[in-house]
N, C-alpha and C. Protein backbone atom coordinates (compact mmCIF):
# COMPACT_ATOMS: atom_id res chain seq x y z
N MET A 1 1.23 -1.11 -0.09
CA MET A 1 -0.17 0.35 0.50
C MET A 1 0.78 1.19 -0.50
N ASP A 2 0.36 2.33 -0.53
CA ASP A 2 1.17 4.22 -0.93
C ASP A 2 0.74 4.48 0.36
N ILE A 3 1.85 5.23 0.92
CA ILE A 3 0.81 6.36 1.49
C ILE A 3 -0.15 7.37 1.31
N ALA A 4 -1.16 7.36 0.34
CA ALA A 4 -1.93 7.96 -0.10
C ALA A 4 -3.11 7.20 -0.10
N SER A 5 -2.70 5.64 -0.17
CA SER A 5 -4.17 4.15 0.20
C SER A 5 -4.23 4.18 1.23
N ILE A 6 -3.27 4.75 2.60
CA ILE A 6 -3.10 4.89 4.27
C ILE A 6 -4.28 5.66 4.04
N ALA A 7 -3.42 6.94 3.72
CA ALA A 7 -4.71 8.46 3.92
C ALA A 7 -5.62 8.19 3.97
N SER A 8 -6.02 7.80 2.85
CA SER A 8 -7.55 7.45 2.49
C SER A 8 -8.88 6.67 3.31
N ALA A 9 -7.30 6.49 3.37
CA ALA A 9 -8.38 4.68 4.31
C ALA A 9 -8.32 5.14 5.90
N LEU A 10 -7.13 5.98 6.21
CA LEU A 10 -7.61 5.94 7.75
C LEU A 10 -9.25 7.62 7.84
N ILE A 11 -9.02 8.54 6.45
CA ILE A 11 -9.41 9.69 6.79
C ILE A 11 -11.05 8.60 6.66
N SER A 12 -11.83 7.99 5.77
CA SER A 12 -12.69 7.50 5.83
C SER A 12 -13.26 6.51 6.91
N ALA A 13 -11.98 6.60 7.60
CA ALA A 13 -12.51 5.84 8.86
C ALA A 13 -12.89 6.64 10.23
N GLN A 14 -12.57 7.46 9.80
CA GLN A 14 -12.81 8.91 10.85
C GLN A 14 -14.15 9.40 11.09
N VAL A 15 -14.42 9.49 9.47
CA VAL A 15 -15.51 9.95 8.12
C VAL A 15 -16.98 8.83 9.07
N GLY A 16 -16.46 7.58 8.58
CA GLY A 16 -17.45 6.54 8.74
C GLY A 16 -17.75 6.12 10.65
N GLN A 17 -16.33 6.80 12.17
CA GLN A 17 -17.01 6.62 13.53
C GLN A 17 -17.72 8.91 13.10
N VAL A 18 -18.06 9.27 12.71
CA VAL A 18 -18.93 10.91 12.84
C VAL A 18 -19.51 10.76 12.83
N GLN A 19 -19.73 9.54 11.45
CA GLN A 19 -21.45 9.22 11.14
C GLN A 19 -22.31 8.31 12.60
N LEU A 20 -21.18 7.26 13.00
CA LEU A 20 -21.77 6.27 13.61
C LEU A 20 -22.49 7.50 15.00
N ALA A 21 -21.17 8.23 15.20
CA ALA A 21 -21.43 9.12 16.52
C ALA A 21 -22.76 10.07 16.13
N VAL A 22 -22.78 10.69 14.91
CA VAL A 22 -24.63 11.16 15.09
C VAL A 22 -26.05 10.70 15.21
N ALA A 23 -25.04 9.29 13.77
CA ALA A 23 -26.73 7.92 13.99
C ALA A 23 -27.09 8.00 15.12
N ALA A 24 -25.79 7.52 16.80
CA ALA A 24 -26.35 7.36 17.68
C ALA A 24 -26.86 8.11 18.63
N LYS A 25 -26.61 9.62 18.63
CA LYS A 25 -27.08 10.74 18.75
C LYS A 25 -28.46 10.94 18.25
N LEU A 26 -28.55 10.79 17.53
CA LEU A 26 -30.24 10.59 16.69
C LEU A 26 -30.69 9.50 16.98
N ALA A 27 -30.72 8.61 17.10
CA ALA A 27 -31.12 7.97 18.25
C ALA A 27 -31.33 8.18 19.40
N LYS A 28 -30.46 8.91 19.20
CA LYS A 28 -31.29 8.63 21.38
C LYS A 28 -32.32 10.12 21.06
N MET A 29 -32.12 10.90 20.36
CA MET A 29 -32.93 11.52 20.68
C MET A 29 -34.13 10.71 20.42
N ASN A 30 -34.59 10.44 20.11
CA ASN A 30 -35.97 9.45 18.47
C ASN A 30 -35.74 8.74 20.96
N ALA A 31 -35.23 8.61 21.12
CA ALA A 31 -36.02 7.42 21.78
C ALA A 31 -36.62 8.08 23.21
N GLU A 32 -35.25 9.75 23.55
CA GLU A 32 -36.03 10.35 24.22
C GLU A 32 -37.72 10.89 23.74
N GLN A 33 -37.33 11.03 22.36
CA GLN A 33 -39.11 12.11 21.51
C GLN A 33 -40.48 10.91 22.48
N GLY A 34 -39.58 9.58 21.56
CA GLY A 34 -40.72 8.27 21.90
C GLY A 34 -41.50 8.50 23.50
N ALA A 35 -40.46 8.56 24.33
CA ALA A 35 -41.01 8.92 25.75
C ALA A 35 -41.88 10.13 26.54
N SER A 36 -41.74 11.54 25.94
CA SER A 36 -41.96 12.49 26.16
C SER A 36 -43.71 12.14 25.60
N VAL A 37 -43.78 10.89 24.58
CA VAL A 37 -44.41 11.01 23.82
C VAL A 37 -45.67 10.19 24.72
N VAL A 38 -44.67 8.80 25.33
CA VAL A 38 -45.59 8.36 26.00
C VAL A 38 -46.17 9.68 27.76
N GLN A 39 -45.17 10.80 28.16
CA GLN A 39 -45.37 10.68 29.01
C GLN A 39 -47.26 11.70 28.57
N LEU A 40 -46.49 12.62 27.52
CA LEU A 40 -47.48 13.69 27.38
C LEU A 40 -49.00 12.61 27.49
N LEU A 41 -49.09 12.00 27.28
CA LEU A 41 -50.31 10.60 26.59
C LEU A 41 -50.53 9.92 27.59
N GLU A 42 -50.01 10.31 28.95
CA GLU A 42 -50.75 9.35 30.28
C GLU A 42 -50.71 10.72 31.14
N ALA A 43 -50.92 12.08 30.78
CA ALA A 43 -50.89 13.43 31.47
C ALA A 43 -52.52 12.88 30.45
N ALA A 44 -52.77 12.59 28.96
CA ALA A 44 -53.99 13.10 28.63
C ALA A 44 -54.39 12.41 29.15
N LYS A 45 -54.69 10.93 29.42
CA LYS A 45 -55.66 10.10 30.05
C LYS A 45 -55.75 10.15 31.25
N GLY A 46 -54.77 10.19 32.16
CA GLY A 46 -54.79 11.43 33.83
C GLY A 46 -56.13 12.14 33.69
N ASN A 47 -56.58 13.44 32.87
CA ASN A 47 -57.05 14.69 32.68
C ASN A 47 -57.96 14.08 32.31
N PHE A 48 -58.44 13.07 30.96
CA PHE A 48 -59.68 12.46 30.88
C PHE A 48 -60.11 12.07 32.10
N ASP A 49 -59.46 10.91 32.50
CA ASP A 49 -60.65 10.13 33.72
C ASP A 49 -60.71 11.34 34.59
N ARG A 50 -59.87 12.15 34.91
CA ARG A 50 -61.36 13.07 35.99
C ARG A 50 -61.89 13.96 35.72
N LEU A 51 -61.68 14.37 33.75
CA LEU A 51 -63.16 14.72 33.42
C LEU A 51 -64.57 13.43 33.22
N ALA A 52 -64.40 12.14 33.19
CA ALA A 52 -64.66 11.50 32.95
C ALA A 52 -65.97 11.32 34.37
N ASN A 53 -66.26 11.41 35.20
CA ASN A 53 -67.40 11.98 35.80
C ASN A 53 -68.44 12.89 35.22
N VAL A 54 -67.84 14.66 34.76
CA VAL A 54 -68.29 15.38 34.61
C VAL A 54 -69.84 15.49 34.05
N ALA A 55 -71.23 15.53 34.12
CA ALA A 55 -72.17 15.77 33.89
C ALA A 55 -72.54 15.52 32.30
N ALA A 56 -73.44 15.18 31.62
CA ALA A 56 -73.12 15.57 29.88
C ALA A 56 -73.98 16.52 29.53
N GLY A 57 -72.66 16.81 28.61
CA GLY A 57 -73.06 18.83 28.06
C GLY A 57 -72.46 19.91 28.89
N ILE A 58 -71.32 19.24 29.81
CA ILE A 58 -71.15 20.60 30.05
C ILE A 58 -69.93 21.17 29.01
N GLY A 59 -70.14 22.60 29.68
CA GLY A 59 -68.62 23.23 28.39
C GLY A 59 -69.15 23.84 26.61
N THR A 60 -70.85 22.95 26.38
CA THR A 60 -71.44 22.86 24.63
C THR A 60 -71.55 24.34 25.04
N SER A 61 -71.79 24.96 25.89
CA SER A 61 -71.79 26.31 25.62
C SER A 61 -71.49 27.50 26.13
N LEU A 62 -70.47 27.48 26.08
CA LEU A 62 -69.10 28.08 26.69
C LEU A 62 -69.78 29.34 25.81
N ASP A 63 -69.92 30.82 26.45
CA ASP A 63 -69.72 31.69 25.88
C ASP A 63 -68.36 32.97 25.73
N ILE A 64 -67.36 33.40 24.54
CA ILE A 64 -66.79 33.26 25.20
C ILE A 64 -65.87 34.88 24.53
N SER A 65 -68.13 35.51 24.47
CA SER A 65 -67.92 37.38 24.09
C SER A 65 -66.74 38.19 25.53
N VAL A 66 -66.73 38.73 24.11
CA VAL A 66 -66.77 39.71 25.02
C VAL A 66 -66.93 40.74 25.17
């Protein structure tokens, strides 16, 4: 192997490491977003459960005029 081939291989390896690091960061961010969505859904479910006991028709004729 000549020097240019070795240098090219080293640069390609470094680029590959950067790409793997970026992919790992994106995967971690995606997992964190998934956890946030689960927390949001759990909070919405809790709010919905509290409103389940409200009488029918509550909030259907809300006057928001000023």
